[in-house]
Protein backbone atom coordinates (compact mmCIF):
# COMPACT_ATOMS: atom_id res chain seq x y z
CA MET A 1 21.29 -23.61 9.83
CA GLY A 2 20.56 -20.25 8.21
CA GLN A 3 19.55 -21.87 4.89
CA GLN A 4 17.18 -24.17 6.75
CA SER A 5 15.58 -21.26 8.64
CA THR A 6 15.15 -19.48 5.30
CA ARG A 7 13.55 -22.52 3.65
CA ARG A 8 11.15 -22.83 6.55
CA ALA A 9 10.27 -19.23 6.24
CA VAL A 10 9.64 -19.60 2.52
CA GLU A 11 7.43 -22.68 3.06
CA ALA A 12 5.49 -20.81 5.79
CA SER A 13 4.72 -18.03 3.37
CA ARG A 14 3.03 -20.58 1.09
CA ARG A 15 1.13 -22.35 3.89
CA GLU A 16 0.08 -19.46 6.16
CA CYS A 17 -2.29 -17.64 3.84
CA GLU A 18 -5.69 -18.01 5.57
CA PRO A 19 -8.43 -18.99 3.23
CA ASP A 20 -10.50 -15.86 3.85
CA GLU A 21 -7.71 -13.30 3.36
CA THR A 22 -5.71 -12.32 0.33
CA TYR A 23 -2.31 -10.77 0.73
CA ALA A 24 -0.56 -8.27 -1.44
CA PRO A 25 0.87 -8.45 -3.97
CA GLN A 26 -0.19 -11.13 -6.46
CA GLY A 27 2.41 -13.97 -6.48
CA LEU A 28 3.67 -13.07 -3.05
CA ALA A 29 4.85 -16.63 -2.23
CA GLU A 30 6.53 -16.97 -5.74
CA GLY A 31 8.19 -13.56 -5.27
CA ILE A 32 9.39 -14.53 -1.84
CA SER A 33 10.94 -17.73 -3.20
CA ALA A 34 12.74 -15.79 -5.83
CA LEU A 35 14.09 -13.21 -3.47
CA ALA A 36 15.08 -15.48 -0.68
CA ALA A 37 18.19 -16.37 -2.56
CA GLU A 38 19.54 -12.92 -1.67
CA PRO A 39 21.08 -12.73 1.80
CA ILE A 40 19.32 -9.49 2.74
CA PHE A 41 15.86 -10.97 2.15
CA ALA A 42 16.87 -14.34 3.61
CA ALA A 43 17.86 -12.58 6.80
CA ILE A 44 14.55 -10.71 6.88
CA LEU A 45 12.61 -13.92 6.46
CA ARG A 46 14.54 -15.59 9.27
CA THR A 47 14.04 -12.73 11.73
CA ALA A 48 10.75 -11.12 10.88
CA GLY A 49 8.90 -13.77 8.91
CA PRO A 50 7.00 -13.42 5.66
CA PRO A 51 5.09 -10.21 5.11
CA ARG A 52 1.33 -10.34 5.69
CA PHE A 53 -0.15 -7.17 4.22
CA ARG A 54 -3.81 -7.83 3.23
CA ARG A 55 -4.95 -6.87 -0.23
CA ARG A 56 -7.35 -3.86 -0.34
CA ARG A 57 -10.53 -3.72 -2.26
CA ASN A 58 -10.38 -1.91 -5.63
CA GLY A 59 -12.86 0.98 -5.22
CA PHE A 60 -13.68 4.53 -4.01
CA GLY A 61 -13.23 3.84 -0.36
CA THR A 62 -9.68 2.43 -0.70
CA LEU A 63 -8.43 5.33 -2.73
CA LEU A 64 -10.05 7.78 -0.47
CA HIS A 65 -8.25 6.13 2.42
CA ILE A 66 -4.89 6.58 0.62
CA ILE A 67 -5.59 10.21 0.14
CA LEU A 68 -6.13 10.42 3.88
CA GLU A 69 -2.90 8.63 4.41
CA GLN A 70 -0.92 11.45 2.65
CA GLN A 71 1.55 13.02 5.05
CA VAL A 72 0.11 11.29 8.14
CA SER A 73 0.36 7.89 9.68
CA ILE A 74 -1.84 5.17 8.46
CA ASP A 75 -3.33 4.91 12.01
CA ALA A 76 -4.29 8.57 11.83
CA ALA A 77 -5.83 8.08 8.43
CA ALA A 78 -7.78 5.05 9.67
CA LYS A 79 -9.21 7.11 12.55
CA MET A 80 -10.35 9.85 9.99
CA TYR A 81 -11.87 7.16 7.76
CA HIS A 82 -13.72 5.55 10.68
CA ARG A 83 -15.38 8.89 11.65
CA LEU A 84 -16.30 9.53 8.00
CA ALA A 85 -17.77 6.05 7.50
CA GLY A 86 -20.00 6.66 10.63
CA LEU A 87 -21.42 9.91 9.08
CA CYS A 88 -21.55 8.86 5.46
CA ARG A 89 -23.70 5.76 4.74
CA PRO A 90 -23.09 4.31 2.36
CA LEU A 91 -19.56 5.70 1.76
CA ALA A 92 -19.96 6.18 -1.98
CA PRO A 93 -19.07 9.01 -4.35
CA GLU A 94 -22.75 10.39 -4.46
CA THR A 95 -23.20 10.40 -0.71
CA PHE A 96 -19.72 11.83 -0.07
CA LEU A 97 -20.29 14.73 -2.48
CA ALA A 98 -23.43 15.65 -0.40
CA LEU A 99 -21.27 16.28 2.75
CA ASP A 100 -20.47 19.92 3.64
CA ASP A 101 -17.11 21.26 4.84
CA ALA A 102 -18.13 21.27 8.60
CA ILE A 103 -18.78 17.50 8.48
CA LEU A 104 -15.46 16.83 6.60
CA ARG A 105 -13.57 19.02 9.10
CA SER A 106 -15.05 17.06 12.00
CA CYS A 107 -13.61 13.93 10.46
CA GLY A 108 -10.16 15.43 10.26
CA PHE A 109 -10.06 16.47 6.64
CA SER A 110 -7.81 19.38 5.87
CA ARG A 111 -9.07 21.80 3.14
CA GLN A 112 -6.64 20.28 0.69
CA LYS A 113 -7.85 16.86 1.28
CA MET A 114 -11.37 17.94 0.94
CA ARG A 115 -10.61 19.23 -2.57
CA TYR A 116 -8.79 15.98 -3.46
CA ALA A 117 -11.51 13.66 -2.22
CA ARG A 118 -14.29 15.69 -3.79
CA ASP A 119 -12.41 15.67 -7.17
CA LEU A 120 -12.02 11.86 -6.89
CA ALA A 121 -15.69 11.40 -6.00
CA ALA A 122 -16.78 13.64 -8.88
CA ALA A 123 -14.56 11.80 -11.39
CA VAL A 124 -16.06 8.49 -10.35
CA GLU A 125 -19.53 9.89 -10.30
CA ARG A 126 -19.47 11.24 -13.84
CA GLY A 127 -17.68 8.12 -15.13
CA SER A 128 -14.40 9.61 -16.15
CA PHE A 129 -12.63 7.40 -13.70
CA ASP A 130 -13.55 3.81 -13.59
CA PHE A 131 -12.20 1.22 -11.10
CA ALA A 132 -12.99 -1.76 -13.40
CA ARG A 133 -11.16 -0.20 -16.23
CA LEU A 134 -8.31 0.53 -13.90
CA ALA A 135 -8.00 -3.08 -12.76
CA ALA A 136 -7.88 -4.23 -16.50
CA ALA A 137 -5.12 -1.75 -17.46
CA GLU A 138 -1.41 -2.35 -17.59
CA ASP A 139 0.72 -0.77 -14.90
CA GLU A 140 1.76 2.23 -16.93
CA THR A 141 -1.77 2.95 -18.03
CA ALA A 142 -3.22 2.47 -14.58
CA MET A 143 -0.62 4.79 -13.20
CA ALA A 144 -1.36 7.45 -15.81
CA ASP A 145 -5.20 7.16 -14.95
CA LEU A 146 -4.44 7.65 -11.22
CA LEU A 147 -2.12 10.46 -11.71
CA ALA A 148 -4.73 12.36 -13.85
CA ILE A 149 -6.79 12.89 -10.61
CA ARG A 150 -5.81 15.98 -8.72
CA GLY A 151 -4.29 14.94 -5.40
CA ILE A 152 -3.08 11.58 -6.57
CA GLY A 153 0.70 11.71 -6.81
CA ARG A 154 3.16 8.97 -7.61
CA TRP A 155 3.28 7.67 -3.99
CA SER A 156 -0.50 7.40 -3.77
CA ALA A 157 -0.77 5.76 -7.23
CA GLU A 158 2.00 3.24 -6.40
CA ILE A 159 0.41 2.28 -3.05
CA TYR A 160 -2.92 1.76 -4.81
CA LEU A 161 -1.29 -0.45 -7.53
CA LEU A 162 0.52 -2.54 -5.03
CA PHE A 163 -2.21 -3.00 -2.32
CA ALA A 164 -5.60 -2.68 -4.17
CA LEU A 165 -4.59 -4.14 -7.61
CA GLY A 166 -1.94 -6.41 -6.24
CA ARG A 167 0.65 -5.57 -8.98
CA PRO A 168 3.92 -7.49 -8.20
CA ASP A 169 6.48 -5.01 -9.63
CA ILE A 170 5.81 -1.61 -7.91
CA TRP A 171 8.33 0.26 -5.99
CA PRO A 172 7.08 3.21 -3.86
CA ALA A 173 10.44 4.83 -3.42
CA ALA A 174 8.98 7.99 -1.90
CA ASP A 175 7.56 6.00 1.12
CA LEU A 176 9.17 7.01 4.38
CA GLY A 177 8.92 3.53 5.95
CA LEU A 178 10.48 1.98 2.96
CA GLN A 179 13.29 4.45 2.94
CA LEU A 180 13.95 3.96 6.67
CA ALA A 181 13.82 0.08 6.31
CA THR A 182 16.21 -0.10 3.34
CA ALA A 183 18.64 2.22 5.18
CA GLU A 184 18.61 -0.12 8.17
CA GLN A 185 18.78 -3.38 6.22
CA LEU A 186 21.34 -2.20 3.73
CA GLY A 187 23.52 -0.50 6.33
CA LEU A 188 23.28 2.89 4.70
CA GLY A 189 24.58 5.80 6.48
CA SER A 190 21.39 7.82 6.11
CA ARG A 191 17.94 7.51 4.74
CA PRO A 192 18.13 7.38 0.92
CA ALA A 193 16.43 9.92 -1.09
CA GLU A 194 13.65 8.85 -3.56
CA VAL A 195 15.89 9.03 -6.56
CA GLU A 196 18.46 6.78 -4.94
CA LEU A 197 15.99 4.37 -3.67
CA ARG A 198 14.26 4.06 -7.07
CA PHE A 199 17.61 3.22 -8.56
CA ARG A 200 18.35 0.58 -5.95
CA GLY A 201 14.89 -1.02 -6.50
CA GLU A 202 15.80 -1.83 -10.07
CA ALA A 203 17.79 -4.82 -8.78
CA TRP A 204 14.67 -6.58 -7.58
CA ARG A 205 12.59 -6.57 -10.73
CA PRO A 206 10.12 -8.25 -11.44
CA TRP A 207 9.29 -8.59 -7.82
CA ARG A 208 9.74 -5.06 -6.42
CA SER A 209 6.41 -5.10 -4.67
CA VAL A 210 7.45 -8.16 -2.77
CA ALA A 211 10.79 -6.64 -1.98
CA ALA A 212 9.01 -3.59 -0.68
CA CYS A 213 6.72 -5.70 1.56
CA LEU A 214 9.74 -7.58 2.98
CA PHE A 215 11.44 -4.35 3.95
CA TRP A 216 8.20 -3.04 5.51
CA GLN A 217 7.97 -6.31 7.39
CA SER A 218 11.52 -5.83 8.75
CA TYR A 219 10.63 -2.15 9.75
CA LEU A 220 7.56 -3.31 11.75
CA HIS A 221 9.33 -6.28 13.32
CA ALA A 222 12.22 -4.12 14.56
CA ARG A 223 9.69 -1.81 16.29
CA GLY A 224 7.52 -4.62 17.69
CA ARG A 225 4.64 -3.75 15.41
CA VAL A 226 2.44 -5.59 13.10
CA ALA A 227 0.61 -4.56 9.79
CA PRO A 228 -2.13 -2.03 10.63
CA ARG A 229 -5.70 -3.10 10.58
CA LEU A 230 -8.13 -1.12 8.47
CA ALA A 231 -11.88 -1.11 8.33
CA PRO A 232 -13.02 -4.51 7.25
CA GLU A 233 -14.90 -3.20 4.14
CA LEU A 234 -11.60 -2.04 2.68
CA TYR A 235 -10.22 -5.48 2.30
CA ALA A 236 -10.52 -7.62 -0.81
């Protein structure tokens, strides 16, 4: 009975993709098929269903949104982004750089996030950071390019690689939700530290992004929640 339920969930992951939506990461259905052989992921698929986290657009708005997500909930970041998008039209590096501190504060930016967002906008504006080049780069090179921007740490870079570039083997071990989900699903006594979780993630190469999405799916399902909805222009 359990195996039949798992097979149905795997088949659903191949059928359910709506034609106008793309889900993260690339190769999601193939990765689910590979991971479903493991009892932990088979159980998640049976109880929570396949993950449905939409791919984000590769560009300034998405990376800016991820900066806003740092140390706050994604819902809080979405509200800040919504206020900003209403005041900065179009939301592009040039127009963003024209905004003063008072406007950014009214959108919810801290002083630190103002600096980070302006550094990003300036790098894109002068051409030292290029999103097309980023998309064409290997994972390690793309990671290094992202980390070269002040305010983009490993968590932000990994979230961008997974959701905007759709890379299938990214493991954001510093993510609080992922730490809590793995603790629950693996029966750990406490939330694993980043170093421990990064080590555990090695077992799920080359589909660590898919494993992360499955754990996030279990976390949301256990709390009666669904994947958050962002501004439509942020989706691929």
